[in-house]
Each structure stands twice: as C-alpha cells, then as structure tokens.
Amino acid sequence: MKLGEKVRDLRRKANLTLEELAQATGSSKGYIWELENKDTNPSLDKLKKIANALHVNVTELISDEEPEDLTSNALFREIDAMSEKDREMIKKIISAIRS
C-alpha cells in the first residue's frame, strides 16, 4: 500500500477530516490532499507529525507490509506509558479475565 493510501485510511479510521489532519500537522488541507492522492514524498519531520496525529509510528506509514491491528498497537503504547503499579494492575485484570 502506498503512503498516501495509508494516510487516507488511517485518517478515516481516526474520523479526521483533511482539514483536521492538516491543522494537527501544521500543513495545509491541499498538502494533505496531495499526499493522499499523488506520489508526494514528505520530509521526515512532516512524516513524524502525521504519524503522531494518526497515533501510529513512522515505520507503520512507510512500511511496505500491511499495518498491524492499530487498536492493539495503541493499547500497547498506552500500557507502556503507565506506571509500573498500573501495569501490574492491568496484568492482574487480564489474569482474572482469563481464569
């Protein structure tokens, strides 16, 4: 899948308009449209801003492989950002559910 197609798919999954993604990345609406519809090569800085706004990492945007389950990736990032105490609580909750 091409970069522009990935950006469009991720933007739509995030329920963002072209304008909202443009504002979140410091871009114009026209730039985001061109990125999604033409063979545009954004700078690394712009890729980082787009990835951040879409809650993915840059590798997911530029990889030729199909993206993994984005919901799972987002969940893992949330867990990683938690304190050790909160991560332990999550482990206990998962253990209780699996029992």
PDB file of N, CA and C in Angstrom:
ATOM      1  N   MET A   1       0.852  -1.176   0.000  1.00  0.00           N
ATOM      2  CA  MET A   1       0.000   0.000   0.000  1.00  0.00           C
ATOM      3  C   MET A   1       0.902   1.245   0.000  1.00  0.00           C
ATOM      4  N   LYS A   2       0.561   2.212  -0.806  1.00  0.00           N
ATOM      5  CA  LYS A   2       1.335   3.445  -0.893  1.00  0.00           C
ATOM      6  C   LYS A   2       1.101   4.322   0.324  1.00  0.00           C
ATOM      7  N   LEU A   3       2.067   5.212   0.565  1.00  0.00           N
ATOM      8  CA  LEU A   3       1.997   6.114   1.709  1.00  0.00           C
ATOM      9  C   LEU A   3       0.688   6.897   1.737  1.00  0.00           C
ATOM     10  N   GLY A   4       0.318   7.482   0.614  1.00  0.00           N
ATOM     11  CA  GLY A   4      -0.901   8.286   0.563  1.00  0.00           C
ATOM     12  C   GLY A   4      -2.142   7.492   0.915  1.00  0.00           C
ATOM     13  N   GLU A   5      -2.201   6.246   0.438  1.00  0.00           N
ATOM     14  CA  GLU A   5      -3.341   5.379   0.755  1.00  0.00           C
ATOM     15  C   GLU A   5      -3.376   5.073   2.241  1.00  0.00           C
ATOM     16  N   LYS A   6      -2.206   4.826   2.840  1.00  0.00           N
ATOM     17  CA  LYS A   6      -2.155   4.545   4.278  1.00  0.00           C
ATOM     18  C   LYS A   6      -2.614   5.747   5.082  1.00  0.00           C
ATOM     19  N   VAL A   7      -2.125   6.921   4.688  1.00  0.00           N
ATOM     20  CA  VAL A   7      -2.523   8.135   5.402  1.00  0.00           C
ATOM     21  C   VAL A   7      -4.032   8.322   5.307  1.00  0.00           C
ATOM     22  N   ARG A   8      -4.599   8.161   4.120  1.00  0.00           N
ATOM     23  CA  ARG A   8      -6.041   8.322   3.938  1.00  0.00           C
ATOM     24  C   ARG A   8      -6.810   7.312   4.803  1.00  0.00           C
ATOM     25  N   ASP A   9      -6.396   6.042   4.750  1.00  0.00           N
ATOM     26  CA  ASP A   9      -7.085   5.015   5.533  1.00  0.00           C
ATOM     27  C   ASP A   9      -7.007   5.303   7.024  1.00  0.00           C
ATOM     28  N   LEU A  10      -5.820   5.650   7.496  1.00  0.00           N
ATOM     29  CA  LEU A  10      -5.653   5.935   8.920  1.00  0.00           C
ATOM     30  C   LEU A  10      -6.416   7.187   9.329  1.00  0.00           C
ATOM     31  N   ARG A  11      -6.421   8.188   8.457  1.00  0.00           N
ATOM     32  CA  ARG A  11      -7.165   9.422   8.755  1.00  0.00           C
ATOM     33  C   ARG A  11      -8.647   9.131   8.885  1.00  0.00           C
ATOM     34  N   ARG A  12      -9.158   8.326   7.971  1.00  0.00           N
ATOM     35  CA  ARG A  12     -10.579   7.985   8.015  1.00  0.00           C
ATOM     36  C   ARG A  12     -10.913   7.143   9.251  1.00  0.00           C
ATOM     37  N   LYS A  13     -10.037   6.195   9.586  1.00  0.00           N
ATOM     38  CA  LYS A  13     -10.269   5.375  10.787  1.00  0.00           C
ATOM     39  C   LYS A  13     -10.265   6.236  12.043  1.00  0.00           C
ATOM     40  N   ALA A  14      -9.472   7.303  12.019  1.00  0.00           N
ATOM     41  CA  ALA A  14      -9.413   8.216  13.163  1.00  0.00           C
ATOM     42  C   ALA A  14     -10.528   9.256  13.118  1.00  0.00           C
ATOM     43  N   ASN A  15     -11.402   9.158  12.097  1.00  0.00           N
ATOM     44  CA  ASN A  15     -12.506  10.105  11.922  1.00  0.00           C
ATOM     45  C   ASN A  15     -12.026  11.553  11.843  1.00  0.00           C
ATOM     46  N   LEU A  16     -10.924  11.758  11.118  1.00  0.00           N
ATOM     47  CA  LEU A  16     -10.389  13.094  10.917  1.00  0.00           C
ATOM     48  C   LEU A  16     -10.679  13.553   9.494  1.00  0.00           C
ATOM     49  N   THR A  17     -11.002  14.815   9.339  1.00  0.00           N
ATOM     50  CA  THR A  17     -11.147  15.388   8.006  1.00  0.00           C
ATOM     51  C   THR A  17      -9.762  15.776   7.502  1.00  0.00           C
ATOM     52  N   LEU A  18      -9.680  16.092   6.210  1.00  0.00           N
ATOM     53  CA  LEU A  18      -8.419  16.598   5.662  1.00  0.00           C
ATOM     54  C   LEU A  18      -7.965  17.830   6.440  1.00  0.00           C
ATOM     55  N   GLU A  19      -8.911  18.710   6.711  1.00  0.00           N
ATOM     56  CA  GLU A  19      -8.586  19.944   7.423  1.00  0.00           C
ATOM     57  C   GLU A  19      -8.093  19.679   8.842  1.00  0.00           C
ATOM     58  N   GLU A  20      -8.720  18.744   9.532  1.00  0.00           N
ATOM     59  CA  GLU A  20      -8.299  18.433  10.906  1.00  0.00           C
ATOM     60  C   GLU A  20      -6.890  17.844  10.927  1.00  0.00           C
ATOM     61  N   LEU A  21      -6.594  16.949   9.989  1.00  0.00           N
ATOM     62  CA  LEU A  21      -5.238  16.386   9.938  1.00  0.00           C
ATOM     63  C   LEU A  21      -4.243  17.474   9.556  1.00  0.00           C
ATOM     64  N   ALA A  22      -4.638  18.342   8.649  1.00  0.00           N
ATOM     65  CA  ALA A  22      -3.757  19.443   8.255  1.00  0.00           C
ATOM     66  C   ALA A  22      -3.426  20.325   9.465  1.00  0.00           C
ATOM     67  N   GLN A  23      -4.439  20.681  10.239  1.00  0.00           N
ATOM     68  CA  GLN A  23      -4.219  21.524  11.422  1.00  0.00           C
ATOM     69  C   GLN A  23      -3.330  20.820  12.434  1.00  0.00           C
ATOM     70  N   ALA A  24      -3.544  19.523  12.622  1.00  0.00           N
ATOM     71  CA  ALA A  24      -2.769  18.764  13.607  1.00  0.00           C
ATOM     72  C   ALA A  24      -1.304  18.618  13.212  1.00  0.00           C
ATOM     73  N   THR A  25      -1.015  18.772  11.928  1.00  0.00           N
ATOM     74  CA  THR A  25       0.356  18.572  11.445  1.00  0.00           C
ATOM     75  C   THR A  25       1.017  19.859  10.973  1.00  0.00           C
ATOM     76  N   GLY A  26       0.321  20.971  11.112  1.00  0.00           N
ATOM     77  CA  GLY A  26       0.884  22.235  10.654  1.00  0.00           C
ATOM     78  C   GLY A  26       0.999  22.303   9.136  1.00  0.00           C
ATOM     79  N   SER A  27       0.075  21.655   8.459  1.00  0.00           N
ATOM     80  CA  SER A  27       0.068  21.603   6.992  1.00  0.00           C
ATOM     81  C   SER A  27      -1.180  22.285   6.472  1.00  0.00           C
ATOM     82  N   SER A  28      -1.227  22.419   5.158  1.00  0.00           N
ATOM     83  CA  SER A  28      -2.450  22.917   4.536  1.00  0.00           C
ATOM     84  C   SER A  28      -3.328  21.734   4.146  1.00  0.00           C
ATOM     85  N   LYS A  29      -4.606  22.003   3.995  1.00  0.00           N
ATOM     86  CA  LYS A  29      -5.537  20.972   3.550  1.00  0.00           C
ATOM     87  C   LYS A  29      -5.114  20.457   2.182  1.00  0.00           C
ATOM     88  N   GLY A  30      -4.663  21.346   1.312  1.00  0.00           N
ATOM     89  CA  GLY A  30      -4.205  20.965  -0.019  1.00  0.00           C
ATOM     90  C   GLY A  30      -3.001  20.038   0.018  1.00  0.00           C
ATOM     91  N   TYR A  31      -2.092  20.285   0.965  1.00  0.00           N
ATOM     92  CA  TYR A  31      -0.916  19.421   1.092  1.00  0.00           C
ATOM     93  C   TYR A  31      -1.324  17.997   1.477  1.00  0.00           C
ATOM     94  N   ILE A  32      -2.235  17.870   2.437  1.00  0.00           N
ATOM     95  CA  ILE A  32      -2.688  16.543   2.860  1.00  0.00           C
ATOM     96  C   ILE A  32      -3.403  15.853   1.704  1.00  0.00           C
ATOM     97  N   TRP A  33      -4.219  16.598   0.955  1.00  0.00           N
ATOM     98  CA  TRP A  33      -4.897  16.015  -0.198  1.00  0.00           C
ATOM     99  C   TRP A  33      -3.874  15.504  -1.210  1.00  0.00           C
ATOM    100  N   GLU A  34      -2.845  16.310  -1.501  1.00  0.00           N
ATOM    101  CA  GLU A  34      -1.803  15.883  -2.444  1.00  0.00           C
ATOM    102  C   GLU A  34      -1.077  14.648  -1.934  1.00  0.00           C
ATOM    103  N   LEU A  35      -0.786  14.620  -0.650  1.00  0.00           N
ATOM    104  CA  LEU A  35      -0.106  13.465  -0.066  1.00  0.00           C
ATOM    105  C   LEU A  35      -0.939  12.197  -0.253  1.00  0.00           C
ATOM    106  N   GLU A  36      -2.237  12.314  -0.050  1.00  0.00           N
ATOM    107  CA  GLU A  36      -3.120  11.157  -0.177  1.00  0.00           C
ATOM    108  C   GLU A  36      -3.367  10.750  -1.628  1.00  0.00           C
ATOM    109  N   ASN A  37      -3.315  11.679  -2.543  1.00  0.00           N
ATOM    110  CA  ASN A  37      -3.737  11.399  -3.912  1.00  0.00           C
ATOM    111  C   ASN A  37      -2.646  11.439  -4.969  1.00  0.00           C
ATOM    112  N   LYS A  38      -1.475  11.921  -4.631  1.00  0.00           N
ATOM    113  CA  LYS A  38      -0.369  11.983  -5.585  1.00  0.00           C
ATOM    114  C   LYS A  38       0.850  11.325  -4.966  1.00  0.00           C
ATOM    115  N   ASP A  39       1.861  11.130  -5.754  1.00  0.00           N
ATOM    116  CA  ASP A  39       3.086  10.480  -5.277  1.00  0.00           C
ATOM    117  C   ASP A  39       4.009  11.514  -4.654  1.00  0.00           C
ATOM    118  N   THR A  40       3.661  11.976  -3.451  1.00  0.00           N
ATOM    119  CA  THR A  40       4.397  13.015  -2.739  1.00  0.00           C
ATOM    120  C   THR A  40       5.334  12.389  -1.724  1.00  0.00           C
ATOM    121  N   ASN A  41       6.512  12.967  -1.568  1.00  0.00           N
ATOM    122  CA  ASN A  41       7.488  12.480  -0.591  1.00  0.00           C
ATOM    123  C   ASN A  41       7.682  13.529   0.496  1.00  0.00           C
ATOM    124  N   PRO A  42       6.985  13.376   1.603  1.00  0.00           N
ATOM    125  CA  PRO A  42       7.106  14.364   2.689  1.00  0.00           C
ATOM    126  C   PRO A  42       8.451  14.242   3.402  1.00  0.00           C
ATOM    127  N   SER A  43       8.833  15.323   4.069  1.00  0.00           N
ATOM    128  CA  SER A  43      10.059  15.314   4.868  1.00  0.00           C
ATOM    129  C   SER A  43       9.871  14.403   6.087  1.00  0.00           C
ATOM    130  N   LEU A  44      10.963  14.027   6.710  1.00  0.00           N
ATOM    131  CA  LEU A  44      10.893  13.196   7.907  1.00  0.00           C
ATOM    132  C   LEU A  44      10.132  13.925   9.009  1.00  0.00           C
ATOM    133  N   ASP A  45      10.373  15.223   9.135  1.00  0.00           N
ATOM    134  CA  ASP A  45       9.653  15.999  10.144  1.00  0.00           C
ATOM    135  C   ASP A  45       8.150  15.937   9.912  1.00  0.00           C
ATOM    136  N   LYS A  46       7.731  16.079   8.644  1.00  0.00           N
ATOM    137  CA  LYS A  46       6.304  16.035   8.323  1.00  0.00           C
ATOM    138  C   LYS A  46       5.745  14.633   8.578  1.00  0.00           C
ATOM    139  N   LEU A  47       6.517  13.591   8.225  1.00  0.00           N
ATOM    140  CA  LEU A  47       6.080  12.210   8.495  1.00  0.00           C
ATOM    141  C   LEU A  47       5.858  11.990   9.983  1.00  0.00           C
ATOM    142  N   LYS A  48       6.766  12.517  10.804  1.00  0.00           N
ATOM    143  CA  LYS A  48       6.635  12.372  12.255  1.00  0.00           C
ATOM    144  C   LYS A  48       5.355  13.042  12.752  1.00  0.00           C
ATOM    145  N   LYS A  49       5.060  14.232  12.232  1.00  0.00           N
ATOM    146  CA  LYS A  49       3.853  14.955  12.647  1.00  0.00           C
ATOM    147  C   LYS A  49       2.593  14.206  12.217  1.00  0.00           C
ATOM    148  N   ILE A  50       2.614  13.664  11.006  1.00  0.00           N
ATOM    149  CA  ILE A  50       1.455  12.912  10.508  1.00  0.00           C
ATOM    150  C   ILE A  50       1.259  11.649  11.327  1.00  0.00           C
ATOM    151  N   ALA A  51       2.354  10.924  11.561  1.00  0.00           N
ATOM    152  CA  ALA A  51       2.267   9.695  12.352  1.00  0.00           C
ATOM    153  C   ALA A  51       1.740   9.991  13.750  1.00  0.00           C
ATOM    154  N   ASN A  52       2.233  11.034  14.367  1.00  0.00           N
ATOM    155  CA  ASN A  52       1.784  11.418  15.709  1.00  0.00           C
ATOM    156  C   ASN A  52       0.295  11.748  15.714  1.00  0.00           C
ATOM    157  N   ALA A  53      -0.139  12.502  14.724  1.00  0.00           N
ATOM    158  CA  ALA A  53      -1.560  12.884  14.649  1.00  0.00           C
ATOM    159  C   ALA A  53      -2.457  11.675  14.411  1.00  0.00           C
ATOM    160  N   LEU A  54      -1.919  10.641  13.744  1.00  0.00           N
ATOM    161  CA  LEU A  54      -2.706   9.441  13.445  1.00  0.00           C
ATOM    162  C   LEU A  54      -2.478   8.329  14.469  1.00  0.00           C
ATOM    163  N   HIS A  55      -1.673   8.608  15.482  1.00  0.00           N
ATOM    164  CA  HIS A  55      -1.393   7.677  16.577  1.00  0.00           C
ATOM    165  C   HIS A  55      -0.753   6.370  16.085  1.00  0.00           C
ATOM    166  N   VAL A  56       0.197   6.515  15.170  1.00  0.00           N
ATOM    167  CA  VAL A  56       0.994   5.383  14.686  1.00  0.00           C
ATOM    168  C   VAL A  56       2.451   5.827  14.700  1.00  0.00           C
ATOM    169  N   ASN A  57       3.361   4.898  14.422  1.00  0.00           N
ATOM    170  CA  ASN A  57       4.750   5.315  14.293  1.00  0.00           C
ATOM    171  C   ASN A  57       5.101   5.460  12.821  1.00  0.00           C
ATOM    172  N   VAL A  58       6.189   6.149  12.551  1.00  0.00           N
ATOM    173  CA  VAL A  58       6.598   6.426  11.174  1.00  0.00           C
ATOM    174  C   VAL A  58       6.797   5.136  10.396  1.00  0.00           C
ATOM    175  N   THR A  59       7.330   4.113  11.039  1.00  0.00           N
ATOM    176  CA  THR A  59       7.564   2.843  10.368  1.00  0.00           C
ATOM    177  C   THR A  59       6.278   2.278   9.788  1.00  0.00           C
ATOM    178  N   GLU A  60       5.183   2.405  10.511  1.00  0.00           N
ATOM    179  CA  GLU A  60       3.897   1.914  10.004  1.00  0.00           C
ATOM    180  C   GLU A  60       3.464   2.668   8.753  1.00  0.00           C
ATOM    181  N   LEU A  61       3.826   3.940   8.658  1.00  0.00           N
ATOM    182  CA  LEU A  61       3.459   4.727   7.486  1.00  0.00           C
ATOM    183  C   LEU A  61       4.275   4.341   6.258  1.00  0.00           C
ATOM    184  N   ILE A  62       5.563   4.082   6.448  1.00  0.00           N
ATOM    185  CA  ILE A  62       6.431   3.873   5.291  1.00  0.00           C
ATOM    186  C   ILE A  62       6.692   2.413   4.968  1.00  0.00           C
ATOM    187  N   SER A  63       6.272   1.504   5.822  1.00  0.00           N
ATOM    188  CA  SER A  63       6.498   0.084   5.599  1.00  0.00           C
ATOM    189  C   SER A  63       5.665  -0.435   4.433  1.00  0.00           C
ATOM    190  N   ASP A  64       6.239  -1.357   3.664  1.00  0.00           N
ATOM    191  CA  ASP A  64       5.503  -1.999   2.571  1.00  0.00           C
ATOM    192  C   ASP A  64       4.562  -3.081   3.085  1.00  0.00           C
ATOM    193  N   GLU A  65       4.760  -3.488   4.331  1.00  0.00           N
ATOM    194  CA  GLU A  65       3.903  -4.519   4.919  1.00  0.00           C
ATOM    195  C   GLU A  65       2.581  -3.896   5.340  1.00  0.00           C
ATOM    196  N   GLU A  66       1.555  -4.738   5.384  1.00  0.00           N
ATOM    197  CA  GLU A  66       0.256  -4.273   5.853  1.00  0.00           C
ATOM    198  C   GLU A  66       0.367  -3.891   7.325  1.00  0.00           C
ATOM    199  N   PRO A  67      -0.293  -2.813   7.743  1.00  0.00           N
ATOM    200  CA  PRO A  67      -0.224  -2.409   9.141  1.00  0.00           C
ATOM    201  C   PRO A  67      -0.867  -3.444  10.056  1.00  0.00           C
ATOM    202  N   GLU A  68      -0.275  -3.568  11.226  1.00  0.00           N
ATOM    203  CA  GLU A  68      -0.843  -4.482  12.226  1.00  0.00           C
ATOM    204  C   GLU A  68      -2.126  -3.871  12.760  1.00  0.00           C
ATOM    205  N   ASP A  69      -2.777  -4.609  13.595  1.00  0.00           N
ATOM    206  CA  ASP A  69      -4.006  -4.126  14.209  1.00  0.00           C
ATOM    207  C   ASP A  69      -3.705  -2.841  14.979  1.00  0.00           C
ATOM    208  N   LEU A  70      -4.177  -1.715  14.468  1.00  0.00           N
ATOM    209  CA  LEU A  70      -3.850  -0.423  15.056  1.00  0.00           C
ATOM    210  C   LEU A  70      -4.429  -0.249  16.454  1.00  0.00           C
ATOM    211  N   THR A  71      -5.553  -0.882  16.715  1.00  0.00           N
ATOM    212  CA  THR A  71      -6.135  -0.800  18.053  1.00  0.00           C
ATOM    213  C   THR A  71      -5.209  -1.455  19.066  1.00  0.00           C
ATOM    214  N   SER A  72      -4.653  -2.612  18.713  1.00  0.00           N
ATOM    215  CA  SER A  72      -3.726  -3.292  19.610  1.00  0.00           C
ATOM    216  C   SER A  72      -2.481  -2.459  19.826  1.00  0.00           C
ATOM    217  N   ASN A  73      -1.943  -1.882  18.752  1.00  0.00           N
ATOM    218  CA  ASN A  73      -0.746  -1.054  18.887  1.00  0.00           C
ATOM    219  C   ASN A  73      -1.002   0.125  19.812  1.00  0.00           C
ATOM    220  N   ALA A  74      -2.138   0.764  19.661  1.00  0.00           N
ATOM    221  CA  ALA A  74      -2.474   1.899  20.511  1.00  0.00           C
ATOM    222  C   ALA A  74      -2.598   1.465  21.969  1.00  0.00           C
ATOM    223  N   LEU A  75      -3.197   0.296  22.184  1.00  0.00           N
ATOM    224  CA  LEU A  75      -3.339  -0.223  23.544  1.00  0.00           C
ATOM    225  C   LEU A  75      -1.981  -0.494  24.166  1.00  0.00           C
ATOM    226  N   PHE A  76      -1.068  -1.102  23.410  1.00  0.00           N
ATOM    227  CA  PHE A  76       0.268  -1.386  23.933  1.00  0.00           C
ATOM    228  C   PHE A  76       1.013  -0.094  24.263  1.00  0.00           C
ATOM    229  N   ARG A  77       0.854   0.936  23.436  1.00  0.00           N
ATOM    230  CA  ARG A  77       1.504   2.219  23.735  1.00  0.00           C
ATOM    231  C   ARG A  77       0.939   2.817  25.014  1.00  0.00           C
ATOM    232  N   GLU A  78      -0.376   2.698  25.205  1.00  0.00           N
ATOM    233  CA  GLU A  78      -0.990   3.217  26.427  1.00  0.00           C
ATOM    234  C   GLU A  78      -0.453   2.481  27.653  1.00  0.00           C
ATOM    235  N   ILE A  79      -0.348   1.179  27.551  1.00  0.00           N
ATOM    236  CA  ILE A  79       0.157   0.383  28.677  1.00  0.00           C
ATOM    237  C   ILE A  79       1.609   0.728  28.959  1.00  0.00           C
ATOM    238  N   ASP A  80       2.416   0.892  27.912  1.00  0.00           N
ATOM    239  CA  ASP A  80       3.823   1.252  28.095  1.00  0.00           C
ATOM    240  C   ASP A  80       3.981   2.579  28.816  1.00  0.00           C
ATOM    241  N   ALA A  81       3.044   3.485  28.609  1.00  0.00           N
ATOM    242  CA  ALA A  81       3.137   4.814  29.221  1.00  0.00           C
ATOM    243  C   ALA A  81       2.695   4.820  30.680  1.00  0.00           C
ATOM    244  N   MET A  82       2.099   3.722  31.144  1.00  0.00           N
ATOM    245  CA  MET A  82       1.602   3.652  32.522  1.00  0.00           C
ATOM    246  C   MET A  82       2.745   3.432  33.512  1.00  0.00           C
ATOM    247  N   SER A  83       2.443   3.719  34.748  1.00  0.00           N
ATOM    248  CA  SER A  83       3.398   3.435  35.816  1.00  0.00           C
ATOM    249  C   SER A  83       3.483   1.920  36.012  1.00  0.00           C
ATOM    250  N   GLU A  84       4.533   1.483  36.661  1.00  0.00           N
ATOM    251  CA  GLU A  84       4.706   0.048  36.922  1.00  0.00           C
ATOM    252  C   GLU A  84       3.537  -0.488  37.747  1.00  0.00           C
ATOM    253  N   LYS A  85       3.071   0.291  38.695  1.00  0.00           N
ATOM    254  CA  LYS A  85       1.934  -0.115  39.537  1.00  0.00           C
ATOM    255  C   LYS A  85       0.687  -0.342  38.677  1.00  0.00           C
ATOM    256  N   ASP A  86       0.423   0.572  37.752  1.00  0.00           N
ATOM    257  CA  ASP A  86      -0.749   0.434  36.883  1.00  0.00           C
ATOM    258  C   ASP A  86      -0.599  -0.755  35.925  1.00  0.00           C
ATOM    259  N   ARG A  87       0.622  -0.985  35.422  1.00  0.00           N
ATOM    260  CA  ARG A  87       0.844  -2.142  34.543  1.00  0.00           C
ATOM    261  C   ARG A  87       0.601  -3.445  35.298  1.00  0.00           C
ATOM    262  N   GLU A  88       0.996  -3.497  36.541  1.00  0.00           N
ATOM    263  CA  GLU A  88       0.747  -4.693  37.359  1.00  0.00           C
ATOM    264  C   GLU A  88      -0.751  -4.908  37.551  1.00  0.00           C
ATOM    265  N   MET A  89      -1.483  -3.819  37.748  1.00  0.00           N
ATOM    266  CA  MET A  89      -2.934  -3.912  37.900  1.00  0.00           C
ATOM    267  C   MET A  89      -3.552  -4.457  36.616  1.00  0.00           C
ATOM    268  N   ILE A  90      -3.093  -3.999  35.470  1.00  0.00           N
ATOM    269  CA  ILE A  90      -3.598  -4.495  34.179  1.00  0.00           C
ATOM    270  C   ILE A  90      -3.323  -5.992  34.055  1.00  0.00           C
ATOM    271  N   LYS A  91      -2.129  -6.428  34.447  1.00  0.00           N
ATOM    272  CA  LYS A  91      -1.794  -7.862  34.396  1.00  0.00           C
ATOM    273  C   LYS A  91      -2.751  -8.674  35.267  1.00  0.00           C
ATOM    274  N   LYS A  92      -3.073  -8.154  36.448  1.00  0.00           N
ATOM    275  CA  LYS A  92      -3.995  -8.851  37.348  1.00  0.00           C
ATOM    276  C   LYS A  92      -5.397  -8.921  36.742  1.00  0.00           C
ATOM    277  N   ILE A  93      -5.814  -7.850  36.130  1.00  0.00           N
ATOM    278  CA  ILE A  93      -7.136  -7.827  35.500  1.00  0.00           C
ATOM    279  C   ILE A  93      -7.199  -8.843  34.360  1.00  0.00           C
ATOM    280  N   ILE A  94      -6.153  -8.880  33.543  1.00  0.00           N
ATOM    281  CA  ILE A  94      -6.115  -9.844  32.441  1.00  0.00           C
ATOM    282  C   ILE A  94      -6.119 -11.279  32.969  1.00  0.00           C
ATOM    283  N   SER A  95      -5.344 -11.524  34.016  1.00  0.00           N
ATOM    284  CA  SER A  95      -5.323 -12.855  34.627  1.00  0.00           C
ATOM    285  C   SER A  95      -6.699 -13.262  35.138  1.00  0.00           C
ATOM    286  N   ALA A  96      -7.387 -12.312  35.756  1.00  0.00           N
ATOM    287  CA  ALA A  96      -8.722 -12.605  36.288  1.00  0.00           C
ATOM    288  C   ALA A  96      -9.707 -12.903  35.155  1.00  0.00           C
ATOM    289  N   ILE A  97      -9.595 -12.180  34.058  1.00  0.00           N
ATOM    290  CA  ILE A  97     -10.490 -12.412  32.917  1.00  0.00           C
ATOM    291  C   ILE A  97     -10.233 -13.766  32.299  1.00  0.00           C
ATOM    292  N   ARG A  98      -8.972 -14.170  32.216  1.00  0.00           N
ATOM    293  CA  ARG A  98      -8.610 -15.438  31.589  1.00  0.00           C
ATOM    294  C   ARG A  98      -8.944 -16.643  32.452  1.00  0.00           C
ATOM    295  N   SER A  99      -9.154 -16.445  33.734  1.00  0.00           N
ATOM    296  CA  SER A  99      -9.423 -17.554  34.658  1.00  0.00           C
ATOM    297  C   SER A  99     -10.830 -18.072  34.522  1.00  0.00           C
TER     298      SER A  99
END
